[in-house]
Amino acid sequence: MKTQKTLTVGVVIVLAIYAGIAQATWLGEGEYTDTANTSALYHLNQSSGTTVIDDNSSGRTAHNGTLENGPTWTTAGRFGNGLDFTYNSNDRLNMGNIIHSPSYTIEFYFKWEYRYTSEPGYLFNADGLCWARTNLITHDPGPATAKVTFGVRDGSGHWLEINGGDTYSLDSNWHHLAFVREYISSTNTTNTYYYLDGELAASQSHAGGYWSQDSDLLLGYTIGGTFDEIRFTPEALDTFGVPEPATVAILGIGGLLLRRR
């Protein structure tokens, strides 16, 4: 009887964990594995050069990036090496004309280099399409914080902006940031989302479609800080991060249990 009770409780716990993970947006920190659905994945594990190597190990076409105006390689990335950018220097990572899909996700790890200025700079910019910039919230006392604003151009040419406000802010720690445009063709609706560490920080929905034009996606555009693990996906994602091995095992067991019901 005791054994049966233990097994029952164990099954309930596994199912509860499985359900919670399935509904979560954050799986854990780590380097992504390339898939056929990815357009560009930069681990930034290089130590030199101006060509940023795309991990296209899934067999898809590689989309390498180019360093412009002097970003520097650093060993102080989130997972090994990374790219360091100097404030207001216009050094940047040019990902090229990569935004073609109605829906997309731009994501990366970022560690802000605090600077006492009202506008610390842009995280990225694609001229005429989208951008993400920072604005200082607090300076003293305590650690400085900066909110992030995500701007997207709608089908009529107007700019729509969302920001995480004072609650969801950057500090001098590593954070995972994700910016999403989701186009729903059946209703001609465009949704925009900004996620901080897997949590939804801001969102907006509007009718009228999305703006499309050729424009290079530039990261590190005037901001100071370090980037790591950059990924562009031509889909609207709502799950981020990499599950730890133990979590993967639980997911597998949970899946078997659910299929056997």
C-alpha atoms as a PDB file:
ATOM      1  CA  MET A   1       0.000   0.000   0.000  1.00  0.00           C
ATOM      2  CA  LYS A   2       2.796   2.344   0.860  1.00  0.00           C
ATOM      3  CA  THR A   3       4.501   1.619  -2.472  1.00  0.00           C
ATOM      4  CA  GLN A   4       1.311   2.281  -4.409  1.00  0.00           C
ATOM      5  CA  LYS A   5       0.801   5.595  -2.638  1.00  0.00           C
ATOM      6  CA  THR A   6       4.371   6.659  -3.371  1.00  0.00           C
ATOM      7  CA  LEU A   7       4.002   5.811  -7.037  1.00  0.00           C
ATOM      8  CA  THR A   8       0.722   7.703  -7.267  1.00  0.00           C
ATOM      9  CA  VAL A   9       2.217  10.800  -5.671  1.00  0.00           C
ATOM     10  CA  GLY A  10       5.233  10.508  -7.952  1.00  0.00           C
ATOM     11  CA  VAL A  11       3.028  10.376 -11.041  1.00  0.00           C
ATOM     12  CA  VAL A  12       1.087  13.410  -9.859  1.00  0.00           C
ATOM     13  CA  ILE A  13       4.304  15.344  -9.240  1.00  0.00           C
ATOM     14  CA  VAL A  14       5.708  14.453 -12.667  1.00  0.00           C
ATOM     15  CA  LEU A  15       2.447  15.429 -14.385  1.00  0.00           C
ATOM     16  CA  ALA A  16       2.294  18.690 -12.427  1.00  0.00           C
ATOM     17  CA  ILE A  17       5.875  19.550 -13.351  1.00  0.00           C
ATOM     18  CA  TYR A  18       5.219  18.594 -16.969  1.00  0.00           C
ATOM     19  CA  ALA A  19       2.107  20.767 -17.154  1.00  0.00           C
ATOM     20  CA  GLY A  20       3.896  23.701 -15.522  1.00  0.00           C
ATOM     21  CA  ILE A  21       6.816  23.503 -17.914  1.00  0.00           C
ATOM     22  CA  ALA A  22       4.526  23.149 -20.904  1.00  0.00           C
ATOM     23  CA  GLN A  23       2.819  26.421 -19.988  1.00  0.00           C
ATOM     24  CA  ALA A  24       5.975  28.310 -19.075  1.00  0.00           C
ATOM     25  CA  THR A  25       7.853  30.676 -21.326  1.00  0.00           C
ATOM     26  CA  TRP A  26      11.279  30.197 -19.749  1.00  0.00           C
ATOM     27  CA  LEU A  27      13.058  26.824 -19.820  1.00  0.00           C
ATOM     28  CA  GLY A  28      16.461  27.742 -18.422  1.00  0.00           C
ATOM     29  CA  GLU A  29      19.761  29.309 -19.455  1.00  0.00           C
ATOM     30  CA  GLY A  30      22.044  27.808 -22.058  1.00  0.00           C
ATOM     31  CA  GLU A  31      23.165  27.874 -25.670  1.00  0.00           C
ATOM     32  CA  TYR A  32      20.540  27.092 -28.275  1.00  0.00           C
ATOM     33  CA  THR A  33      20.746  24.180 -30.701  1.00  0.00           C
ATOM     34  CA  ASP A  34      20.272  25.194 -34.322  1.00  0.00           C
ATOM     35  CA  THR A  35      17.105  24.062 -36.092  1.00  0.00           C
ATOM     36  CA  ALA A  36      15.748  24.302 -39.612  1.00  0.00           C
ATOM     37  CA  ASN A  37      13.309  26.973 -38.361  1.00  0.00           C
ATOM     38  CA  THR A  38      16.156  29.309 -37.348  1.00  0.00           C
ATOM     39  CA  SER A  39      17.479  31.979 -39.729  1.00  0.00           C
ATOM     40  CA  ALA A  40      20.575  32.987 -37.739  1.00  0.00           C
ATOM     41  CA  LEU A  41      22.193  31.739 -34.517  1.00  0.00           C
ATOM     42  CA  TYR A  42      25.368  33.392 -33.240  1.00  0.00           C
ATOM     43  CA  HIS A  43      27.008  31.709 -30.245  1.00  0.00           C
ATOM     44  CA  LEU A  44      29.798  34.325 -30.400  1.00  0.00           C
ATOM     45  CA  ASN A  45      32.385  31.763 -29.299  1.00  0.00           C
ATOM     46  CA  GLN A  46      34.985  33.267 -31.621  1.00  0.00           C
ATOM     47  CA  SER A  47      37.886  35.364 -30.375  1.00  0.00           C
ATOM     48  CA  SER A  48      38.748  37.394 -33.479  1.00  0.00           C
ATOM     49  CA  GLY A  49      37.639  38.436 -36.935  1.00  0.00           C
ATOM     50  CA  THR A  50      34.909  40.664 -38.371  1.00  0.00           C
ATOM     51  CA  THR A  51      32.731  37.823 -39.682  1.00  0.00           C
ATOM     52  CA  VAL A  52      30.323  36.477 -37.062  1.00  0.00           C
ATOM     53  CA  ILE A  53      29.790  32.788 -37.720  1.00  0.00           C
ATOM     54  CA  ASP A  54      26.232  31.475 -37.915  1.00  0.00           C
ATOM     55  CA  ASP A  55      25.706  28.011 -36.416  1.00  0.00           C
ATOM     56  CA  ASN A  56      23.865  26.305 -39.256  1.00  0.00           C
ATOM     57  CA  SER A  57      24.514  22.779 -37.972  1.00  0.00           C
ATOM     58  CA  SER A  58      20.923  21.788 -38.866  1.00  0.00           C
ATOM     59  CA  GLY A  59      21.919  22.011 -42.530  1.00  0.00           C
ATOM     60  CA  ARG A  60      20.101  25.237 -43.396  1.00  0.00           C
ATOM     61  CA  THR A  61      21.760  28.041 -45.339  1.00  0.00           C
ATOM     62  CA  ALA A  62      24.240  29.992 -43.209  1.00  0.00           C
ATOM     63  CA  HIS A  63      23.592  33.684 -42.527  1.00  0.00           C
ATOM     64  CA  ASN A  64      26.837  35.118 -41.156  1.00  0.00           C
ATOM     65  CA  GLY A  65      26.974  38.572 -39.627  1.00  0.00           C
ATOM     66  CA  THR A  66      29.524  41.366 -40.053  1.00  0.00           C
ATOM     67  CA  LEU A  67      31.134  43.561 -37.391  1.00  0.00           C
ATOM     68  CA  GLU A  68      31.254  47.249 -38.280  1.00  0.00           C
ATOM     69  CA  ASN A  69      33.120  50.124 -36.606  1.00  0.00           C
ATOM     70  CA  GLY A  70      34.916  47.986 -34.054  1.00  0.00           C
ATOM     71  CA  PRO A  71      32.926  45.841 -31.584  1.00  0.00           C
ATOM     72  CA  THR A  72      35.457  43.753 -29.649  1.00  0.00           C
ATOM     73  CA  TRP A  73      35.497  40.062 -28.787  1.00  0.00           C
ATOM     74  CA  THR A  74      35.557  39.320 -25.069  1.00  0.00           C
ATOM     75  CA  THR A  75      35.936  36.225 -22.906  1.00  0.00           C
ATOM     76  CA  ALA A  76      33.361  37.681 -20.503  1.00  0.00           C
ATOM     77  CA  GLY A  77      30.261  36.535 -22.387  1.00  0.00           C
ATOM     78  CA  ARG A  78      27.315  34.755 -20.780  1.00  0.00           C
ATOM     79  CA  PHE A  79      28.442  31.385 -22.144  1.00  0.00           C
ATOM     80  CA  GLY A  80      32.137  31.720 -22.867  1.00  0.00           C
ATOM     81  CA  ASN A  81      32.976  34.491 -25.314  1.00  0.00           C
ATOM     82  CA  GLY A  82      30.779  37.406 -26.332  1.00  0.00           C
ATOM     83  CA  LEU A  83      30.787  40.750 -28.130  1.00  0.00           C
ATOM     84  CA  ASP A  84      31.451  44.011 -26.308  1.00  0.00           C
ATOM     85  CA  PHE A  85      30.065  47.324 -27.576  1.00  0.00           C
ATOM     86  CA  THR A  86      31.115  50.845 -26.583  1.00  0.00           C
ATOM     87  CA  TYR A  87      28.487  53.458 -25.782  1.00  0.00           C
ATOM     88  CA  ASN A  88      27.707  55.977 -28.546  1.00  0.00           C
ATOM     89  CA  SER A  89      30.473  54.678 -30.817  1.00  0.00           C
ATOM     90  CA  ASN A  90      28.191  53.349 -33.584  1.00  0.00           C
ATOM     91  CA  ASP A  91      29.960  49.977 -33.486  1.00  0.00           C
ATOM     92  CA  ARG A  92      27.502  47.252 -34.426  1.00  0.00           C
ATOM     93  CA  LEU A  93      26.811  43.742 -35.603  1.00  0.00           C
ATOM     94  CA  ASN A  94      25.187  43.855 -39.013  1.00  0.00           C
ATOM     95  CA  MET A  95      22.907  40.846 -39.512  1.00  0.00           C
ATOM     96  CA  GLY A  96      21.998  41.969 -43.020  1.00  0.00           C
ATOM     97  CA  ASN A  97      18.599  42.080 -44.689  1.00  0.00           C
ATOM     98  CA  ILE A  98      17.137  39.233 -42.628  1.00  0.00           C
ATOM     99  CA  ILE A  99      13.619  40.453 -41.755  1.00  0.00           C
ATOM    100  CA  HIS A 100      11.360  39.109 -44.501  1.00  0.00           C
ATOM    101  CA  SER A 101       8.706  37.091 -42.662  1.00  0.00           C
ATOM    102  CA  PRO A 102       5.425  38.577 -41.349  1.00  0.00           C
ATOM    103  CA  SER A 103       6.235  37.141 -37.910  1.00  0.00           C
ATOM    104  CA  TYR A 104       9.677  37.083 -36.314  1.00  0.00           C
ATOM    105  CA  THR A 105      11.589  36.890 -33.027  1.00  0.00           C
ATOM    106  CA  ILE A 106      14.823  38.735 -32.196  1.00  0.00           C
ATOM    107  CA  GLU A 107      16.452  37.496 -28.988  1.00  0.00           C
ATOM    108  CA  PHE A 108      19.800  37.612 -27.175  1.00  0.00           C
ATOM    109  CA  TYR A 109      21.523  37.757 -23.798  1.00  0.00           C
ATOM    110  CA  PHE A 110      22.701  41.219 -22.819  1.00  0.00           C
ATOM    111  CA  LYS A 111      24.659  42.769 -19.943  1.00  0.00           C
ATOM    112  CA  TRP A 112      24.306  46.524 -19.798  1.00  0.00           C
ATOM    113  CA  GLU A 113      27.348  48.663 -19.039  1.00  0.00           C
ATOM    114  CA  TYR A 114      25.828  51.315 -16.806  1.00  0.00           C
ATOM    115  CA  ARG A 115      26.249  54.896 -17.919  1.00  0.00           C
ATOM    116  CA  TYR A 116      24.527  57.883 -16.330  1.00  0.00           C
ATOM    117  CA  THR A 117      22.668  59.281 -19.317  1.00  0.00           C
ATOM    118  CA  SER A 118      18.952  59.603 -19.979  1.00  0.00           C
ATOM    119  CA  GLU A 119      19.174  57.519 -23.176  1.00  0.00           C
ATOM    120  CA  PRO A 120      21.820  54.779 -22.903  1.00  0.00           C
ATOM    121  CA  GLY A 121      21.283  53.813 -26.540  1.00  0.00           C
ATOM    122  CA  TYR A 122      19.699  51.334 -28.933  1.00  0.00           C
ATOM    123  CA  LEU A 123      19.939  47.564 -28.535  1.00  0.00           C
ATOM    124  CA  PHE A 124      19.118  47.133 -32.204  1.00  0.00           C
ATOM    125  CA  ASN A 125      17.739  48.992 -35.185  1.00  0.00           C
ATOM    126  CA  ALA A 126      16.395  48.019 -38.604  1.00  0.00           C
ATOM    127  CA  ASP A 127      15.811  51.324 -40.372  1.00  0.00           C
ATOM    128  CA  GLY A 128      12.125  51.842 -41.134  1.00  0.00           C
ATOM    129  CA  LEU A 129      11.096  48.476 -39.627  1.00  0.00           C
ATOM    130  CA  CYS A 130      11.803  48.111 -35.896  1.00  0.00           C
ATOM    131  CA  TRP A 131      14.091  49.095 -33.044  1.00  0.00           C
ATOM    132  CA  ALA A 132      14.665  48.625 -29.311  1.00  0.00           C
ATOM    133  CA  ARG A 133      16.127  51.384 -27.154  1.00  0.00           C
ATOM    134  CA  THR A 134      16.804  51.988 -23.472  1.00  0.00           C
ATOM    135  CA  ASN A 135      15.919  54.888 -21.179  1.00  0.00           C
ATOM    136  CA  LEU A 136      17.340  55.480 -17.711  1.00  0.00           C
ATOM    137  CA  ILE A 137      14.869  55.020 -14.839  1.00  0.00           C
ATOM    138  CA  THR A 138      16.899  55.315 -11.635  1.00  0.00           C
ATOM    139  CA  HIS A 139      20.421  56.352 -10.763  1.00  0.00           C
ATOM    140  CA  ASP A 140      20.730  56.873  -7.031  1.00  0.00           C
ATOM    141  CA  PRO A 141      20.364  55.286  -4.542  1.00  0.00           C
ATOM    142  CA  GLY A 142      20.937  51.651  -5.447  1.00  0.00           C
ATOM    143  CA  PRO A 143      21.806  50.050  -8.765  1.00  0.00           C
ATOM    144  CA  ALA A 144      20.899  51.938 -11.889  1.00  0.00           C
ATOM    145  CA  THR A 145      18.033  50.580 -13.977  1.00  0.00           C
ATOM    146  CA  ALA A 146      16.865  51.251 -17.510  1.00  0.00           C
ATOM    147  CA  LYS A 147      13.584  50.381 -19.189  1.00  0.00           C
ATOM    148  CA  VAL A 148      13.461  48.950 -22.691  1.00  0.00           C
ATOM    149  CA  THR A 149      11.117  50.222 -25.417  1.00  0.00           C
ATOM    150  CA  PHE A 150      10.287  48.181 -28.532  1.00  0.00           C
ATOM    151  CA  GLY A 151       9.116  50.023 -31.632  1.00  0.00           C
ATOM    152  CA  VAL A 152       7.514  48.431 -34.699  1.00  0.00           C
ATOM    153  CA  ARG A 153       6.102  50.098 -37.805  1.00  0.00           C
ATOM    154  CA  ASP A 154       2.554  49.119 -38.780  1.00  0.00           C
ATOM    155  CA  GLY A 155       1.097  48.658 -42.249  1.00  0.00           C
ATOM    156  CA  SER A 156       0.115  52.315 -42.549  1.00  0.00           C
ATOM    157  CA  GLY A 157       3.608  53.539 -41.674  1.00  0.00           C
ATOM    158  CA  HIS A 158       2.882  54.596 -38.078  1.00  0.00           C
ATOM    159  CA  TRP A 159       5.256  53.629 -35.272  1.00  0.00           C
ATOM    160  CA  LEU A 160       3.863  51.580 -32.388  1.00  0.00           C
ATOM    161  CA  GLU A 161       5.814  51.470 -29.130  1.00  0.00           C
ATOM    162  CA  ILE A 162       5.648  49.224 -26.066  1.00  0.00           C
ATOM    163  CA  ASN A 163       7.888  49.243 -23.003  1.00  0.00           C
ATOM    164  CA  GLY A 164       8.334  47.223 -19.851  1.00  0.00           C
ATOM    165  CA  GLY A 165       7.928  50.237 -17.581  1.00  0.00           C
ATOM    166  CA  ASP A 166       9.609  50.598 -14.208  1.00  0.00           C
ATOM    167  CA  THR A 167       8.856  47.051 -13.046  1.00  0.00           C
ATOM    168  CA  TYR A 168      10.624  45.248 -15.878  1.00  0.00           C
ATOM    169  CA  SER A 169      13.987  46.944 -16.181  1.00  0.00           C
ATOM    170  CA  LEU A 170      17.602  46.293 -17.052  1.00  0.00           C
ATOM    171  CA  ASP A 171      20.356  46.374 -14.487  1.00  0.00           C
ATOM    172  CA  SER A 172      24.035  45.440 -14.662  1.00  0.00           C
ATOM    173  CA  ASN A 173      23.281  41.681 -14.603  1.00  0.00           C
ATOM    174  CA  TRP A 174      22.897  39.343 -17.554  1.00  0.00           C
ATOM    175  CA  HIS A 175      19.369  39.207 -18.963  1.00  0.00           C
ATOM    176  CA  HIS A 176      17.669  37.399 -21.802  1.00  0.00           C
ATOM    177  CA  LEU A 177      15.639  39.760 -24.012  1.00  0.00           C
ATOM    178  CA  ALA A 178      13.228  38.771 -26.772  1.00  0.00           C
ATOM    179  CA  PHE A 179      11.278  40.972 -29.179  1.00  0.00           C
ATOM    180  CA  VAL A 180       8.427  39.506 -31.206  1.00  0.00           C
ATOM    181  CA  ARG A 181       6.224  40.604 -34.079  1.00  0.00           C
ATOM    182  CA  GLU A 182       3.302  38.266 -34.690  1.00  0.00           C
ATOM    183  CA  TYR A 183       1.116  38.690 -37.770  1.00  0.00           C
ATOM    184  CA  ILE A 184      -2.268  36.950 -37.842  1.00  0.00           C
ATOM    185  CA  SER A 185      -3.319  36.876 -41.482  1.00  0.00           C
ATOM    186  CA  SER A 186      -6.940  35.857 -40.945  1.00  0.00           C
ATOM    187  CA  THR A 187      -7.698  39.105 -39.103  1.00  0.00           C
ATOM    188  CA  ASN A 188      -4.917  41.294 -40.558  1.00  0.00           C
ATOM    189  CA  THR A 189      -3.767  41.845 -36.980  1.00  0.00           C
ATOM    190  CA  THR A 190      -0.209  42.463 -35.779  1.00  0.00           C
ATOM    191  CA  ASN A 191       0.793  41.745 -32.176  1.00  0.00           C
ATOM    192  CA  THR A 192       4.066  42.899 -30.619  1.00  0.00           C
ATOM    193  CA  TYR A 193       5.682  41.467 -27.485  1.00  0.00           C
ATOM    194  CA  TYR A 194       8.704  42.240 -25.340  1.00  0.00           C
ATOM    195  CA  TYR A 195       9.976  39.498 -22.998  1.00  0.00           C
ATOM    196  CA  LEU A 196      12.547  39.883 -20.217  1.00  0.00           C
ATOM    197  CA  ASP A 197      14.031  36.636 -18.870  1.00  0.00           C
ATOM    198  CA  GLY A 198      11.124  34.671 -20.313  1.00  0.00           C
ATOM    199  CA  GLU A 199       8.454  36.836 -18.679  1.00  0.00           C
ATOM    200  CA  LEU A 200       6.126  38.988 -20.759  1.00  0.00           C
ATOM    201  CA  ALA A 201       7.006  42.596 -19.964  1.00  0.00           C
ATOM    202  CA  ALA A 202       4.797  44.379 -22.514  1.00  0.00           C
ATOM    203  CA  SER A 203       2.483  43.635 -25.424  1.00  0.00           C
ATOM    204  CA  GLN A 204       0.201  45.365 -27.895  1.00  0.00           C
ATOM    205  CA  SER A 205      -2.246  44.403 -30.622  1.00  0.00           C
ATOM    206  CA  HIS A 206      -3.369  46.482 -33.588  1.00  0.00           C
ATOM    207  CA  ALA A 207      -5.251  46.039 -36.840  1.00  0.00           C
ATOM    208  CA  GLY A 208      -3.906  47.009 -40.229  1.00  0.00           C
ATOM    209  CA  GLY A 209      -1.067  44.617 -40.860  1.00  0.00           C
ATOM    210  CA  TYR A 210       2.685  45.165 -40.802  1.00  0.00           C
ATOM    211  CA  TRP A 211       5.258  47.268 -42.630  1.00  0.00           C
ATOM    212  CA  SER A 212       7.672  45.572 -45.014  1.00  0.00           C
ATOM    213  CA  GLN A 213      10.842  46.896 -46.644  1.00  0.00           C
ATOM    214  CA  ASP A 214      14.489  45.927 -47.172  1.00  0.00           C
ATOM    215  CA  SER A 215      16.586  46.983 -44.203  1.00  0.00           C
ATOM    216  CA  ASP A 216      19.658  45.581 -42.441  1.00  0.00           C
ATOM    217  CA  LEU A 217      19.229  44.511 -38.811  1.00  0.00           C
ATOM    218  CA  LEU A 218      21.943  46.194 -36.704  1.00  0.00           C
ATOM    219  CA  LEU A 219      22.637  45.067 -33.122  1.00  0.00           C
ATOM    220  CA  GLY A 220      24.557  47.026 -30.493  1.00  0.00           C
ATOM    221  CA  TYR A 221      23.471  50.222 -32.150  1.00  0.00           C
ATOM    222  CA  THR A 222      24.898  53.034 -29.902  1.00  0.00           C
ATOM    223  CA  ILE A 223      24.497  51.145 -26.584  1.00  0.00           C
ATOM    224  CA  GLY A 224      27.314  50.043 -24.291  1.00  0.00           C
ATOM    225  CA  GLY A 225      27.338  46.464 -23.065  1.00  0.00           C
ATOM    226  CA  THR A 226      27.979  42.840 -23.942  1.00  0.00           C
ATOM    227  CA  PHE A 227      25.905  40.519 -26.142  1.00  0.00           C
ATOM    228  CA  ASP A 228      25.845  36.748 -26.267  1.00  0.00           C
ATOM    229  CA  GLU A 229      23.762  33.971 -27.861  1.00  0.00           C
ATOM    230  CA  ILE A 230      21.930  35.945 -30.557  1.00  0.00           C
ATOM    231  CA  ARG A 231      19.115  34.237 -32.464  1.00  0.00           C
ATOM    232  CA  PHE A 232      16.720  35.345 -35.202  1.00  0.00           C
ATOM    233  CA  THR A 233      13.689  33.178 -35.925  1.00  0.00           C
ATOM    234  CA  PRO A 234      11.146  33.934 -38.697  1.00  0.00           C
ATOM    235  CA  GLU A 235       8.322  32.912 -36.353  1.00  0.00           C
ATOM    236  CA  ALA A 236       6.585  34.422 -33.318  1.00  0.00           C
ATOM    237  CA  LEU A 237       8.003  32.505 -30.335  1.00  0.00           C
ATOM    238  CA  ASP A 238       6.637  32.474 -26.792  1.00  0.00           C
ATOM    239  CA  THR A 239       8.956  29.871 -25.248  1.00  0.00           C
ATOM    240  CA  PHE A 240      12.601  30.747 -24.593  1.00  0.00           C
ATOM    241  CA  GLY A 241      15.711  29.274 -23.063  1.00  0.00           C
ATOM    242  CA  VAL A 242      17.102  25.752 -22.998  1.00  0.00           C
ATOM    243  CA  PRO A 243      15.845  23.050 -20.599  1.00  0.00           C
ATOM    244  CA  GLU A 244      18.435  21.393 -18.367  1.00  0.00           C
ATOM    245  CA  PRO A 245      19.072  17.653 -18.914  1.00  0.00           C
ATOM    246  CA  ALA A 246      17.041  16.707 -15.835  1.00  0.00           C
ATOM    247  CA  THR A 247      14.118  18.733 -17.129  1.00  0.00           C
ATOM    248  CA  VAL A 248      14.345  17.058 -20.531  1.00  0.00           C
ATOM    249  CA  ALA A 249      14.151  13.670 -18.817  1.00  0.00           C
ATOM    250  CA  ILE A 250      11.069  14.723 -16.852  1.00  0.00           C
ATOM    251  CA  LEU A 251       9.451  16.036 -20.016  1.00  0.00           C
ATOM    252  CA  GLY A 252      10.094  12.685 -21.681  1.00  0.00           C
ATOM    253  CA  ILE A 253       8.576  10.722 -18.780  1.00  0.00           C
ATOM    254  CA  GLY A 254       5.626  13.091 -18.616  1.00  0.00           C
ATOM    255  CA  GLY A 255       5.028  12.686 -22.336  1.00  0.00           C
ATOM    256  CA  LEU A 256       4.985   8.898 -22.006  1.00  0.00           C
ATOM    257  CA  LEU A 257       2.564   9.057 -19.114  1.00  0.00           C
ATOM    258  CA  LEU A 258       0.222  11.366 -21.007  1.00  0.00           C
ATOM    259  CA  ARG A 259       0.313   9.173 -24.116  1.00  0.00           C
ATOM    260  CA  ARG A 260      -0.557   6.088 -22.061  1.00  0.00           C
ATOM    261  CA  ARG A 261      -3.709   7.633 -20.604  1.00  0.00           C
END
